[in-house]
């Protein structure tokens, strides 16, 4: 069975303004009924999922009361970042005739 992604939901402080931003980035319109102050807005993409923005109350930063249960990065994350850094061309990797 294949799953089809129909919506991408984003919780945010100002749904209309964030939707306007992504509308400009994608070049796609807001839902025709959306207006400033709406608590829910949508950007209608040409294909694929609808970008849905949902205004929520101001969030509070997460607190960690027990370091044993704190989120930790994936063990390979550091190696992946190092690999990306090594793949960037540096002065020594540029052929001398192009300098």
Protein backbone atom coordinates (compact mmCIF):
# COMPACT_ATOMS: atom_id res chain seq x y z
CA UNK A 1 0.00 0.00 0.00
CA UNK A 2 1.36 3.42 -0.97
CA UNK A 3 0.75 6.45 1.24
CA UNK A 4 0.05 9.79 -0.38
CA UNK A 5 0.99 12.97 1.46
CA UNK A 6 -1.90 15.42 1.16
CA UNK A 7 -1.08 18.15 3.69
CA UNK A 8 1.94 19.57 5.46
CA UNK A 9 0.85 21.29 8.69
CA UNK A 10 2.96 23.97 10.35
CA UNK A 11 2.17 25.37 13.80
CA UNK A 12 3.22 29.01 14.04
CA UNK A 13 2.65 32.33 15.81
CA UNK A 14 1.07 34.13 12.80
CA UNK A 15 -0.53 31.77 10.30
CA UNK A 16 -1.47 34.37 7.70
CA UNK A 17 1.94 36.06 7.59
CA UNK A 18 3.85 32.79 7.42
CA UNK A 19 1.56 31.56 4.65
CA UNK A 20 2.13 34.82 2.75
CA UNK A 21 5.88 34.30 3.07
CA UNK A 22 5.69 30.75 1.68
CA UNK A 23 3.28 31.90 -1.01
CA UNK A 24 5.93 34.36 -2.23
CA UNK A 25 8.71 31.74 -1.95
CA UNK A 26 6.79 29.13 -3.93
CA UNK A 27 5.05 31.52 -6.30
CA UNK A 28 1.74 29.85 -5.43
CA UNK A 29 -1.43 31.54 -4.14
CA UNK A 30 -3.03 31.49 -0.73
CA UNK A 31 -6.43 29.84 -0.47
CA UNK A 32 -8.91 32.40 -1.91
CA UNK A 33 -10.84 32.68 1.37
CA UNK A 34 -7.75 33.37 3.55
CA UNK A 35 -7.38 36.87 4.98
CA UNK A 36 -5.22 38.68 7.57
CA UNK A 37 -5.95 37.53 11.10
CA UNK A 38 -7.10 34.04 10.10
CA UNK A 39 -5.97 31.35 12.51
CA UNK A 40 -5.64 28.80 9.70
CA UNK A 41 -4.36 29.47 6.20
CA UNK A 42 -3.22 27.44 3.20
CA UNK A 43 -0.81 27.78 0.30
CA UNK A 44 -2.13 25.90 -2.72
CA UNK A 45 0.80 24.24 -4.46
CA UNK A 46 0.56 23.27 -8.13
CA UNK A 47 1.16 19.62 -7.30
CA UNK A 48 1.50 17.58 -4.16
CA UNK A 49 0.47 18.52 -0.66
CA UNK A 50 -1.24 21.67 0.57
CA UNK A 51 0.84 23.78 2.96
CA UNK A 52 -1.42 24.33 5.97
CA UNK A 53 -0.48 26.94 8.61
CA UNK A 54 -2.15 26.76 12.01
CA UNK A 55 -1.78 29.61 14.49
CA UNK A 56 -1.06 28.38 18.01
CA UNK A 57 -0.46 30.18 21.31
CA UNK A 58 3.09 31.28 22.02
CA UNK A 59 5.20 28.26 22.72
CA UNK A 60 7.51 27.83 25.66
CA UNK A 61 10.99 26.38 25.30
CA UNK A 62 11.25 22.73 26.18
CA UNK A 63 12.70 21.97 29.57
CA UNK A 64 14.73 18.91 30.37
CA UNK A 65 14.32 17.65 33.91
CA UNK A 66 16.28 14.45 33.48
CA UNK A 67 19.43 14.39 31.33
CA UNK A 68 18.94 10.66 30.73
CA UNK A 69 15.79 11.37 28.71
CA UNK A 70 17.05 14.48 26.87
CA UNK A 71 16.95 14.25 23.07
CA UNK A 72 20.32 13.30 21.60
CA UNK A 73 21.57 13.66 18.04
CA UNK A 74 21.87 10.53 15.95
CA UNK A 75 25.30 8.92 16.47
CA UNK A 76 26.16 9.32 12.78
CA UNK A 77 25.11 12.98 12.56
CA UNK A 78 28.58 14.29 13.38
CA UNK A 79 30.19 12.03 10.78
CA UNK A 80 27.72 13.22 8.12
CA UNK A 81 28.49 16.87 8.89
CA UNK A 82 32.23 16.13 8.76
CA UNK A 83 31.77 14.39 5.38
CA UNK A 84 29.87 17.38 3.97
CA UNK A 85 32.63 19.69 5.19
CA UNK A 86 35.29 17.57 3.52
CA UNK A 87 33.35 17.53 0.24
CA UNK A 88 33.45 21.35 -0.07
CA UNK A 89 36.19 22.48 -2.45
CA UNK A 90 39.00 24.30 -0.75
CA UNK A 91 42.01 26.17 -2.12
CA UNK A 92 44.05 22.95 -2.42
CA UNK A 93 41.36 21.25 -4.55
CA UNK A 94 41.21 24.02 -7.15
CA UNK A 95 43.45 23.29 -10.16
CA UNK A 96 46.34 25.76 -10.38
CA UNK A 97 45.40 26.89 -13.91
CA UNK A 98 42.02 28.21 -12.62
CA UNK A 99 43.46 30.31 -9.79
